[in-house]
């Protein structure tokens, strides 16, 4: 939990200083990676963003933070031409590092598409006790205007794109985008590449459902599929399978220890084993991951 606490302390300080430092703040560093065909991946401080840029215009997957939206917009215009505005913006879940830029792009003319649970959570006050944070309802302009239940299809830039809802994994509104022609899948925060993930139990997330959701994605892709995570490096089916193996092995280990009468503190003190040491070096440390597993039972 130490890494989680450090992240919270850093975030609070950053938010406190933001108004005074706004004029002097450097532009956020954004790495642009060509993926396949019309697809590009943008990675920066928050969640990864994917853009399809082609003859039909621009389709954006997620919008990062509100304060970084203009920097992402600048990168998009460098690729698509001055004046380019995303026609569609698809949110993979409601968290602020993926929807914070919604209002910016909506006010420029983008149509926001998301699962109905995303709109519901963005429309109401959300308490994220694990992050010691409260999110007030989003402005009307930031809310999705097109919502769906199980799935929705988009036909854009020569590709058939399936946007499919995966319930109760990272949150209760997770969506995955399958780009059929490109053989690319953007999975949002269902995947933190080679790291323990954040599972937002208060937003309907559950580790064991997450395991099933990842298993379903693995069944639907092949060895040539490019997998874009919500956080971390671009990977492939093998990388997603390794992540799934970690999810299964560590969750069963914790589940068995709890069944043997051990407490969460005792399991945390014992640790999960050397094999998973590197997985706890990101946003979520080993202690936090153990607590997510226990909280999902």
C-alpha atoms as a PDB file:
ATOM      1  CA  UNK A   1       0.000   0.000   0.000  1.00  0.00           C
ATOM      2  CA  UNK A   2       3.036   2.320   0.336  1.00  0.00           C
ATOM      3  CA  UNK A   3       3.165   3.005  -3.411  1.00  0.00           C
ATOM      4  CA  UNK A   4      -0.562   3.741  -3.458  1.00  0.00           C
ATOM      5  CA  UNK A   5      -0.177   6.168  -0.539  1.00  0.00           C
ATOM      6  CA  UNK A   6       2.775   7.874  -2.260  1.00  0.00           C
ATOM      7  CA  UNK A   7       0.764   8.260  -5.467  1.00  0.00           C
ATOM      8  CA  UNK A   8      -2.101   9.829  -3.486  1.00  0.00           C
ATOM      9  CA  UNK A   9       0.203  12.259  -1.696  1.00  0.00           C
ATOM     10  CA  UNK A  10       1.844  13.269  -4.972  1.00  0.00           C
ATOM     11  CA  UNK A  11      -1.544  13.732  -6.653  1.00  0.00           C
ATOM     12  CA  UNK A  12      -2.845  15.937  -3.830  1.00  0.00           C
ATOM     13  CA  UNK A  13       0.253  18.153  -3.986  1.00  0.00           C
ATOM     14  CA  UNK A  14       0.007  18.384  -7.774  1.00  0.00           C
ATOM     15  CA  UNK A  15      -3.668  19.351  -7.640  1.00  0.00           C
ATOM     16  CA  UNK A  16      -2.945  21.960  -4.954  1.00  0.00           C
ATOM     17  CA  UNK A  17      -0.231  23.606  -7.020  1.00  0.00           C
ATOM     18  CA  UNK A  18      -2.009  23.351 -10.378  1.00  0.00           C
ATOM     19  CA  UNK A  19      -3.773  26.784 -10.441  1.00  0.00           C
ATOM     20  CA  UNK A  20      -0.623  28.715  -9.517  1.00  0.00           C
ATOM     21  CA  UNK A  21       1.610  26.770 -11.858  1.00  0.00           C
ATOM     22  CA  UNK A  22      -0.747  26.490 -14.817  1.00  0.00           C
ATOM     23  CA  UNK A  23       0.961  29.163 -16.907  1.00  0.00           C
ATOM     24  CA  UNK A  24       4.412  27.714 -16.262  1.00  0.00           C
ATOM     25  CA  UNK A  25       3.523  24.027 -16.558  1.00  0.00           C
ATOM     26  CA  UNK A  26       5.492  22.298 -19.304  1.00  0.00           C
ATOM     27  CA  UNK A  27       3.649  20.513 -22.052  1.00  0.00           C
ATOM     28  CA  UNK A  28       2.985  16.898 -21.138  1.00  0.00           C
ATOM     29  CA  UNK A  29       5.214  14.382 -22.837  1.00  0.00           C
ATOM     30  CA  UNK A  30       3.159  12.253 -25.213  1.00  0.00           C
ATOM     31  CA  UNK A  31       4.641   9.381 -27.149  1.00  0.00           C
ATOM     32  CA  UNK A  32       2.955   8.585 -30.469  1.00  0.00           C
ATOM     33  CA  UNK A  33       3.343   5.028 -31.786  1.00  0.00           C
ATOM     34  CA  UNK A  34       2.029   3.929 -35.203  1.00  0.00           C
ATOM     35  CA  UNK A  35       0.244   0.627 -34.600  1.00  0.00           C
ATOM     36  CA  UNK A  36      -1.289  -0.722 -37.809  1.00  0.00           C
ATOM     37  CA  UNK A  37      -2.964   0.879 -40.803  1.00  0.00           C
ATOM     38  CA  UNK A  38      -4.923   3.899 -39.596  1.00  0.00           C
ATOM     39  CA  UNK A  39      -4.264   3.257 -35.905  1.00  0.00           C
ATOM     40  CA  UNK A  40      -1.960   5.195 -33.592  1.00  0.00           C
ATOM     41  CA  UNK A  41      -1.338   4.825 -29.869  1.00  0.00           C
ATOM     42  CA  UNK A  42      -0.696   7.844 -27.633  1.00  0.00           C
ATOM     43  CA  UNK A  43       0.889   7.287 -24.226  1.00  0.00           C
ATOM     44  CA  UNK A  44       1.514   9.850 -21.523  1.00  0.00           C
ATOM     45  CA  UNK A  45       0.844  10.372 -17.834  1.00  0.00           C
ATOM     46  CA  UNK A  46      -2.636   8.826 -17.711  1.00  0.00           C
ATOM     47  CA  UNK A  47      -4.440   6.120 -19.615  1.00  0.00           C
ATOM     48  CA  UNK A  48      -3.365   5.192 -23.120  1.00  0.00           C
ATOM     49  CA  UNK A  49      -5.270   6.758 -26.023  1.00  0.00           C
ATOM     50  CA  UNK A  50      -5.828   5.181 -29.440  1.00  0.00           C
ATOM     51  CA  UNK A  51      -6.743   7.092 -32.586  1.00  0.00           C
ATOM     52  CA  UNK A  52      -7.964   5.859 -35.963  1.00  0.00           C
ATOM     53  CA  UNK A  53      -7.024   8.495 -38.541  1.00  0.00           C
ATOM     54  CA  UNK A  54      -8.108   8.046 -42.148  1.00  0.00           C
ATOM     55  CA  UNK A  55     -10.486   9.019 -44.947  1.00  0.00           C
ATOM     56  CA  UNK A  56     -13.511   9.105 -42.632  1.00  0.00           C
ATOM     57  CA  UNK A  57     -11.747  11.363 -40.164  1.00  0.00           C
ATOM     58  CA  UNK A  58     -10.625  10.659 -36.601  1.00  0.00           C
ATOM     59  CA  UNK A  59     -12.024   8.209 -34.065  1.00  0.00           C
ATOM     60  CA  UNK A  60     -10.564   8.522 -30.574  1.00  0.00           C
ATOM     61  CA  UNK A  61     -10.496   5.864 -27.846  1.00  0.00           C
ATOM     62  CA  UNK A  62     -10.377   7.529 -24.413  1.00  0.00           C
ATOM     63  CA  UNK A  63      -9.414  11.105 -23.626  1.00  0.00           C
ATOM     64  CA  UNK A  64      -6.832  11.089 -20.820  1.00  0.00           C
ATOM     65  CA  UNK A  65      -6.951  13.940 -18.262  1.00  0.00           C
ATOM     66  CA  UNK A  66      -8.742  17.215 -18.835  1.00  0.00           C
ATOM     67  CA  UNK A  67      -5.554  19.246 -18.398  1.00  0.00           C
ATOM     68  CA  UNK A  68      -3.741  17.216 -21.078  1.00  0.00           C
ATOM     69  CA  UNK A  69      -6.529  17.175 -23.685  1.00  0.00           C
ATOM     70  CA  UNK A  70      -5.169  20.114 -25.684  1.00  0.00           C
ATOM     71  CA  UNK A  71      -1.772  18.397 -25.971  1.00  0.00           C
ATOM     72  CA  UNK A  72      -3.417  15.251 -27.341  1.00  0.00           C
ATOM     73  CA  UNK A  73      -5.465  17.418 -29.684  1.00  0.00           C
ATOM     74  CA  UNK A  74      -2.246  18.968 -30.970  1.00  0.00           C
ATOM     75  CA  UNK A  75      -0.764  15.520 -31.680  1.00  0.00           C
ATOM     76  CA  UNK A  76      -3.933  14.485 -33.513  1.00  0.00           C
ATOM     77  CA  UNK A  77      -3.821  17.591 -35.706  1.00  0.00           C
ATOM     78  CA  UNK A  78      -0.165  16.909 -36.525  1.00  0.00           C
ATOM     79  CA  UNK A  79      -1.240  13.541 -37.926  1.00  0.00           C
ATOM     80  CA  UNK A  80      -4.658  14.395 -39.367  1.00  0.00           C
ATOM     81  CA  UNK A  81      -4.163  18.013 -40.426  1.00  0.00           C
ATOM     82  CA  UNK A  82      -4.977  21.390 -38.943  1.00  0.00           C
ATOM     83  CA  UNK A  83      -8.613  21.713 -37.970  1.00  0.00           C
ATOM     84  CA  UNK A  84      -9.099  17.979 -37.558  1.00  0.00           C
ATOM     85  CA  UNK A  85     -11.649  17.171 -34.863  1.00  0.00           C
ATOM     86  CA  UNK A  86     -12.386  13.593 -33.743  1.00  0.00           C
ATOM     87  CA  UNK A  87     -15.819  12.649 -35.084  1.00  0.00           C
ATOM     88  CA  UNK A  88     -16.250  10.049 -32.362  1.00  0.00           C
ATOM     89  CA  UNK A  89     -14.764   9.554 -28.899  1.00  0.00           C
ATOM     90  CA  UNK A  90     -15.293   6.140 -27.272  1.00  0.00           C
ATOM     91  CA  UNK A  91     -14.717   5.778 -23.525  1.00  0.00           C
ATOM     92  CA  UNK A  92     -13.549   2.382 -22.236  1.00  0.00           C
ATOM     93  CA  UNK A  93     -14.663   3.158 -18.629  1.00  0.00           C
ATOM     94  CA  UNK A  94     -15.529   6.141 -16.439  1.00  0.00           C
ATOM     95  CA  UNK A  95     -12.231   6.884 -14.618  1.00  0.00           C
ATOM     96  CA  UNK A  96     -10.993  10.469 -14.854  1.00  0.00           C
ATOM     97  CA  UNK A  97      -7.673   9.564 -16.502  1.00  0.00           C
ATOM     98  CA  UNK A  98      -9.696   8.216 -19.451  1.00  0.00           C
ATOM     99  CA  UNK A  99     -12.677  10.606 -19.548  1.00  0.00           C
ATOM    100  CA  UNK A 100     -11.137  13.837 -18.243  1.00  0.00           C
ATOM    101  CA  UNK A 101     -10.721  15.183 -21.781  1.00  0.00           C
ATOM    102  CA  UNK A 102     -14.319  14.436 -22.788  1.00  0.00           C
ATOM    103  CA  UNK A 103     -15.571  17.998 -22.350  1.00  0.00           C
ATOM    104  CA  UNK A 104     -12.686  19.455 -24.362  1.00  0.00           C
ATOM    105  CA  UNK A 105     -13.350  17.210 -27.357  1.00  0.00           C
ATOM    106  CA  UNK A 106     -17.156  17.411 -27.082  1.00  0.00           C
ATOM    107  CA  UNK A 107     -17.010  21.194 -27.172  1.00  0.00           C
ATOM    108  CA  UNK A 108     -14.982  20.903 -30.385  1.00  0.00           C
ATOM    109  CA  UNK A 109     -17.678  18.694 -31.921  1.00  0.00           C
ATOM    110  CA  UNK A 110     -16.815  15.089 -30.994  1.00  0.00           C
ATOM    111  CA  UNK A 111     -19.688  12.656 -30.355  1.00  0.00           C
ATOM    112  CA  UNK A 112     -18.989  10.708 -27.155  1.00  0.00           C
ATOM    113  CA  UNK A 113     -19.953   7.028 -27.124  1.00  0.00           C
ATOM    114  CA  UNK A 114     -19.840   4.839 -24.006  1.00  0.00           C
ATOM    115  CA  UNK A 115     -21.532   2.056 -22.102  1.00  0.00           C
ATOM    116  CA  UNK A 116     -24.645   3.099 -20.191  1.00  0.00           C
ATOM    117  CA  UNK A 117     -22.909   2.428 -16.835  1.00  0.00           C
ATOM    118  CA  UNK A 118     -20.208   4.946 -17.742  1.00  0.00           C
ATOM    119  CA  UNK A 119     -22.762   7.685 -18.288  1.00  0.00           C
ATOM    120  CA  UNK A 120     -24.529   6.692 -15.058  1.00  0.00           C
ATOM    121  CA  UNK A 121     -21.339   6.940 -12.996  1.00  0.00           C
ATOM    122  CA  UNK A 122     -20.174  10.168 -14.635  1.00  0.00           C
ATOM    123  CA  UNK A 123     -23.619  11.693 -13.955  1.00  0.00           C
ATOM    124  CA  UNK A 124     -23.480  11.023 -10.221  1.00  0.00           C
ATOM    125  CA  UNK A 125     -21.125  11.581  -7.296  1.00  0.00           C
ATOM    126  CA  UNK A 126     -18.590   8.766  -7.019  1.00  0.00           C
ATOM    127  CA  UNK A 127     -16.563   7.885  -3.935  1.00  0.00           C
ATOM    128  CA  UNK A 128     -13.250   6.156  -4.571  1.00  0.00           C
ATOM    129  CA  UNK A 129     -12.341   5.224  -0.996  1.00  0.00           C
ATOM    130  CA  UNK A 130      -9.301   3.216  -2.072  1.00  0.00           C
ATOM    131  CA  UNK A 131      -7.845   6.383  -3.587  1.00  0.00           C
ATOM    132  CA  UNK A 132      -9.242   8.662  -0.884  1.00  0.00           C
ATOM    133  CA  UNK A 133     -10.985  10.618  -3.593  1.00  0.00           C
ATOM    134  CA  UNK A 134     -14.494  11.874  -4.370  1.00  0.00           C
ATOM    135  CA  UNK A 135     -15.538  12.626  -7.946  1.00  0.00           C
ATOM    136  CA  UNK A 136     -18.403  15.068  -8.345  1.00  0.00           C
ATOM    137  CA  UNK A 137     -20.780  14.674 -11.319  1.00  0.00           C
ATOM    138  CA  UNK A 138     -19.170  15.548 -14.637  1.00  0.00           C
ATOM    139  CA  UNK A 139     -20.343  18.603 -16.597  1.00  0.00           C
ATOM    140  CA  UNK A 140     -23.115  17.864 -19.067  1.00  0.00           C
ATOM    141  CA  UNK A 141     -20.778  18.448 -22.002  1.00  0.00           C
ATOM    142  CA  UNK A 142     -18.491  15.641 -20.801  1.00  0.00           C
ATOM    143  CA  UNK A 143     -21.220  12.991 -20.702  1.00  0.00           C
ATOM    144  CA  UNK A 144     -21.625  10.343 -23.405  1.00  0.00           C
ATOM    145  CA  UNK A 145     -24.498  11.157 -25.749  1.00  0.00           C
ATOM    146  CA  UNK A 146     -24.646   7.706 -27.371  1.00  0.00           C
ATOM    147  CA  UNK A 147     -24.831   4.737 -24.991  1.00  0.00           C
ATOM    148  CA  UNK A 148     -25.204   0.987 -25.459  1.00  0.00           C
ATOM    149  CA  UNK A 149     -25.829  -2.163 -23.459  1.00  0.00           C
ATOM    150  CA  UNK A 150     -23.939  -5.244 -24.625  1.00  0.00           C
ATOM    151  CA  UNK A 151     -22.203  -3.843 -27.695  1.00  0.00           C
ATOM    152  CA  UNK A 152     -22.231  -1.369 -30.550  1.00  0.00           C
ATOM    153  CA  UNK A 153     -20.633  -1.513 -34.009  1.00  0.00           C
ATOM    154  CA  UNK A 154     -18.818   1.285 -35.821  1.00  0.00           C
ATOM    155  CA  UNK A 155     -17.764   1.194 -39.468  1.00  0.00           C
ATOM    156  CA  UNK A 156     -14.994   3.721 -39.826  1.00  0.00           C
ATOM    157  CA  UNK A 157     -11.811   4.231 -41.857  1.00  0.00           C
ATOM    158  CA  UNK A 158     -12.228   0.927 -43.670  1.00  0.00           C
ATOM    159  CA  UNK A 159     -12.580  -1.125 -40.498  1.00  0.00           C
ATOM    160  CA  UNK A 160     -15.431  -2.847 -38.694  1.00  0.00           C
ATOM    161  CA  UNK A 161     -15.111  -1.991 -35.019  1.00  0.00           C
ATOM    162  CA  UNK A 162     -16.969  -3.904 -32.340  1.00  0.00           C
ATOM    163  CA  UNK A 163     -17.233  -2.146 -28.987  1.00  0.00           C
ATOM    164  CA  UNK A 164     -18.133  -4.848 -26.457  1.00  0.00           C
ATOM    165  CA  UNK A 165     -19.054  -4.449 -22.798  1.00  0.00           C
ATOM    166  CA  UNK A 166     -17.290  -6.689 -20.268  1.00  0.00           C
ATOM    167  CA  UNK A 167     -19.146  -6.493 -16.938  1.00  0.00           C
ATOM    168  CA  UNK A 168     -17.672  -6.256 -13.455  1.00  0.00           C
ATOM    169  CA  UNK A 169     -13.957  -6.502 -14.195  1.00  0.00           C
ATOM    170  CA  UNK A 170     -11.916  -3.340 -13.681  1.00  0.00           C
ATOM    171  CA  UNK A 171     -15.252  -1.496 -13.254  1.00  0.00           C
ATOM    172  CA  UNK A 172     -18.863  -2.252 -14.191  1.00  0.00           C
ATOM    173  CA  UNK A 173     -18.566  -0.309 -17.466  1.00  0.00           C
ATOM    174  CA  UNK A 174     -15.451  -1.748 -19.111  1.00  0.00           C
ATOM    175  CA  UNK A 175     -15.522  -1.879 -22.891  1.00  0.00           C
ATOM    176  CA  UNK A 176     -13.110  -3.435 -25.376  1.00  0.00           C
ATOM    177  CA  UNK A 177     -12.731  -2.290 -28.987  1.00  0.00           C
ATOM    178  CA  UNK A 178     -12.027  -4.962 -31.594  1.00  0.00           C
ATOM    179  CA  UNK A 179     -10.670  -3.536 -34.868  1.00  0.00           C
ATOM    180  CA  UNK A 180     -11.373  -6.459 -37.212  1.00  0.00           C
ATOM    181  CA  UNK A 181      -9.450  -5.461 -40.336  1.00  0.00           C
ATOM    182  CA  UNK A 182      -6.395  -4.194 -38.456  1.00  0.00           C
ATOM    183  CA  UNK A 183      -6.479  -7.124 -35.998  1.00  0.00           C
ATOM    184  CA  UNK A 184      -5.974  -4.745 -33.109  1.00  0.00           C
ATOM    185  CA  UNK A 185      -7.773  -4.726 -29.781  1.00  0.00           C
ATOM    186  CA  UNK A 186      -7.868  -1.836 -27.290  1.00  0.00           C
ATOM    187  CA  UNK A 187      -8.752  -3.366 -23.911  1.00  0.00           C
ATOM    188  CA  UNK A 188      -8.644  -0.321 -21.630  1.00  0.00           C
ATOM    189  CA  UNK A 189      -7.851  -0.913 -17.963  1.00  0.00           C
ATOM    190  CA  UNK A 190      -8.752  -4.566 -18.187  1.00  0.00           C
ATOM    191  CA  UNK A 191      -4.984  -4.758 -18.805  1.00  0.00           C
ATOM    192  CA  UNK A 192      -2.056  -3.102 -17.036  1.00  0.00           C
ATOM    193  CA  UNK A 193       0.801  -4.574 -19.061  1.00  0.00           C
ATOM    194  CA  UNK A 194       3.067  -6.795 -16.896  1.00  0.00           C
ATOM    195  CA  UNK A 195       1.774  -5.111 -13.719  1.00  0.00           C
ATOM    196  CA  UNK A 196      -0.822  -5.756 -11.030  1.00  0.00           C
ATOM    197  CA  UNK A 197      -4.007  -3.932 -12.085  1.00  0.00           C
ATOM    198  CA  UNK A 198      -6.215  -1.527 -10.200  1.00  0.00           C
ATOM    199  CA  UNK A 199      -9.590  -3.179  -9.604  1.00  0.00           C
ATOM    200  CA  UNK A 200     -12.189  -0.591  -8.607  1.00  0.00           C
ATOM    201  CA  UNK A 201     -14.415  -2.730  -6.396  1.00  0.00           C
ATOM    202  CA  UNK A 202     -16.534   0.290  -5.416  1.00  0.00           C
ATOM    203  CA  UNK A 203     -17.303   0.821  -9.117  1.00  0.00           C
ATOM    204  CA  UNK A 204     -18.447  -2.772  -9.579  1.00  0.00           C
ATOM    205  CA  UNK A 205     -15.014  -4.265 -10.282  1.00  0.00           C
ATOM    206  CA  UNK A 206     -14.103  -7.808  -9.280  1.00  0.00           C
ATOM    207  CA  UNK A 207     -10.837  -9.729  -9.701  1.00  0.00           C
ATOM    208  CA  UNK A 208     -12.506 -13.049 -10.487  1.00  0.00           C
ATOM    209  CA  UNK A 209     -14.773 -11.537 -13.124  1.00  0.00           C
ATOM    210  CA  UNK A 210     -11.725  -9.761 -14.539  1.00  0.00           C
ATOM    211  CA  UNK A 211     -10.088 -13.173 -14.964  1.00  0.00           C
ATOM    212  CA  UNK A 212     -13.079 -14.427 -16.956  1.00  0.00           C
ATOM    213  CA  UNK A 213     -13.152 -11.292 -19.071  1.00  0.00           C
ATOM    214  CA  UNK A 214      -9.475 -11.626 -19.985  1.00  0.00           C
ATOM    215  CA  UNK A 215     -10.038 -15.291 -20.819  1.00  0.00           C
ATOM    216  CA  UNK A 216     -12.826 -14.318 -23.234  1.00  0.00           C
ATOM    217  CA  UNK A 217     -10.617 -11.754 -24.964  1.00  0.00           C
ATOM    218  CA  UNK A 218      -7.885 -14.392 -25.352  1.00  0.00           C
ATOM    219  CA  UNK A 219     -10.373 -16.721 -27.035  1.00  0.00           C
ATOM    220  CA  UNK A 220     -11.272 -14.029 -29.542  1.00  0.00           C
ATOM    221  CA  UNK A 221      -7.800 -12.972 -30.685  1.00  0.00           C
ATOM    222  CA  UNK A 222      -4.874 -14.713 -32.387  1.00  0.00           C
ATOM    223  CA  UNK A 223      -1.085 -14.677 -32.256  1.00  0.00           C
ATOM    224  CA  UNK A 224      -0.917 -11.714 -34.677  1.00  0.00           C
ATOM    225  CA  UNK A 225      -3.315  -9.486 -32.731  1.00  0.00           C
ATOM    226  CA  UNK A 226      -1.884  -6.241 -31.380  1.00  0.00           C
ATOM    227  CA  UNK A 227      -3.137  -5.589 -27.841  1.00  0.00           C
ATOM    228  CA  UNK A 228      -3.289  -2.001 -26.551  1.00  0.00           C
ATOM    229  CA  UNK A 229      -3.565  -1.767 -22.756  1.00  0.00           C
ATOM    230  CA  UNK A 230      -5.144   0.957 -20.680  1.00  0.00           C
ATOM    231  CA  UNK A 231      -1.750   1.408 -19.012  1.00  0.00           C
ATOM    232  CA  UNK A 232       1.643   0.131 -20.057  1.00  0.00           C
ATOM    233  CA  UNK A 233       3.297  -0.992 -23.259  1.00  0.00           C
ATOM    234  CA  UNK A 234       1.588  -2.345 -26.353  1.00  0.00           C
ATOM    235  CA  UNK A 235       1.650  -6.133 -26.259  1.00  0.00           C
ATOM    236  CA  UNK A 236       0.249  -9.222 -27.996  1.00  0.00           C
ATOM    237  CA  UNK A 237      -1.704 -12.385 -27.202  1.00  0.00           C
ATOM    238  CA  UNK A 238       1.298 -13.918 -25.438  1.00  0.00           C
ATOM    239  CA  UNK A 239       1.624 -10.860 -23.208  1.00  0.00           C
ATOM    240  CA  UNK A 240      -2.086 -10.922 -22.381  1.00  0.00           C
ATOM    241  CA  UNK A 241      -1.878 -14.656 -21.662  1.00  0.00           C
ATOM    242  CA  UNK A 242       1.017 -14.075 -19.238  1.00  0.00           C
ATOM    243  CA  UNK A 243      -1.067 -11.410 -17.495  1.00  0.00           C
ATOM    244  CA  UNK A 244      -3.973 -13.868 -17.270  1.00  0.00           C
ATOM    245  CA  UNK A 245      -1.649 -16.486 -15.771  1.00  0.00           C
ATOM    246  CA  UNK A 246      -0.631 -13.997 -13.083  1.00  0.00           C
ATOM    247  CA  UNK A 247      -4.246 -13.126 -12.317  1.00  0.00           C
ATOM    248  CA  UNK A 248      -5.206 -16.777 -11.915  1.00  0.00           C
ATOM    249  CA  UNK A 249      -2.138 -17.882  -9.934  1.00  0.00           C
ATOM    250  CA  UNK A 250      -2.093 -15.007  -7.439  1.00  0.00           C
ATOM    251  CA  UNK A 251      -5.853 -14.930  -6.887  1.00  0.00           C
ATOM    252  CA  UNK A 252      -5.968 -18.683  -6.227  1.00  0.00           C
ATOM    253  CA  UNK A 253      -3.012 -18.335  -3.855  1.00  0.00           C
ATOM    254  CA  UNK A 254      -4.763 -15.645  -1.829  1.00  0.00           C
ATOM    255  CA  UNK A 255      -8.089 -17.472  -1.937  1.00  0.00           C
ATOM    256  CA  UNK A 256      -6.475 -20.662  -0.615  1.00  0.00           C
ATOM    257  CA  UNK A 257      -4.650 -18.804   2.155  1.00  0.00           C
ATOM    258  CA  UNK A 258      -7.861 -17.134   3.300  1.00  0.00           C
ATOM    259  CA  UNK A 259      -9.608 -20.513   3.294  1.00  0.00           C
ATOM    260  CA  UNK A 260      -6.819 -21.812   5.555  1.00  0.00           C
ATOM    261  CA  UNK A 261      -7.686 -19.103   8.073  1.00  0.00           C
ATOM    262  CA  UNK A 262      -4.921 -16.629   7.328  1.00  0.00           C
ATOM    263  CA  UNK A 263      -5.702 -12.921   7.535  1.00  0.00           C
ATOM    264  CA  UNK A 264      -5.047 -10.428   4.770  1.00  0.00           C
ATOM    265  CA  UNK A 265      -2.240  -8.936   6.878  1.00  0.00           C
ATOM    266  CA  UNK A 266      -0.629 -12.353   7.278  1.00  0.00           C
ATOM    267  CA  UNK A 267      -0.874 -13.047   3.533  1.00  0.00           C
ATOM    268  CA  UNK A 268       0.621  -9.636   2.788  1.00  0.00           C
ATOM    269  CA  UNK A 269       3.493 -10.215   5.211  1.00  0.00           C
ATOM    270  CA  UNK A 270       4.263 -13.583   3.588  1.00  0.00           C
ATOM    271  CA  UNK A 271       4.052 -12.149   0.073  1.00  0.00           C
ATOM    272  CA  UNK A 272       3.104 -13.814  -3.188  1.00  0.00           C
ATOM    273  CA  UNK A 273       6.557 -15.101  -4.098  1.00  0.00           C
ATOM    274  CA  UNK A 274       9.583 -13.936  -6.058  1.00  0.00           C
ATOM    275  CA  UNK A 275       7.972 -14.697  -9.422  1.00  0.00           C
ATOM    276  CA  UNK A 276       5.649 -11.712  -9.061  1.00  0.00           C
ATOM    277  CA  UNK A 277       8.082  -9.151  -7.610  1.00  0.00           C
ATOM    278  CA  UNK A 278       8.286  -7.072 -10.791  1.00  0.00           C
ATOM    279  CA  UNK A 279       4.496  -6.994 -11.153  1.00  0.00           C
ATOM    280  CA  UNK A 280       4.184  -4.826  -8.042  1.00  0.00           C
ATOM    281  CA  UNK A 281       6.523  -2.066  -9.190  1.00  0.00           C
ATOM    282  CA  UNK A 282       3.835   0.000 -10.905  1.00  0.00           C
ATOM    283  CA  UNK A 283       0.871   2.016  -9.614  1.00  0.00           C
ATOM    284  CA  UNK A 284      -0.463  -0.991  -7.662  1.00  0.00           C
ATOM    285  CA  UNK A 285       1.900  -2.695  -5.245  1.00  0.00           C
ATOM    286  CA  UNK A 286       1.633  -6.270  -3.986  1.00  0.00           C
ATOM    287  CA  UNK A 287      -0.216  -5.359  -0.791  1.00  0.00           C
ATOM    288  CA  UNK A 288      -2.875  -3.440  -2.734  1.00  0.00           C
ATOM    289  CA  UNK A 289      -3.274  -6.312  -5.191  1.00  0.00           C
ATOM    290  CA  UNK A 290      -3.771  -8.808  -2.341  1.00  0.00           C
ATOM    291  CA  UNK A 291      -6.439  -6.520  -0.877  1.00  0.00           C
ATOM    292  CA  UNK A 292      -8.258  -6.382  -4.227  1.00  0.00           C
ATOM    293  CA  UNK A 293      -8.327 -10.177  -4.435  1.00  0.00           C
ATOM    294  CA  UNK A 294      -9.603 -10.525  -0.871  1.00  0.00           C
ATOM    295  CA  UNK A 295     -12.173  -7.790  -1.431  1.00  0.00           C
ATOM    296  CA  UNK A 296     -13.502  -9.580  -4.524  1.00  0.00           C
ATOM    297  CA  UNK A 297     -14.425 -12.772  -2.654  1.00  0.00           C
END
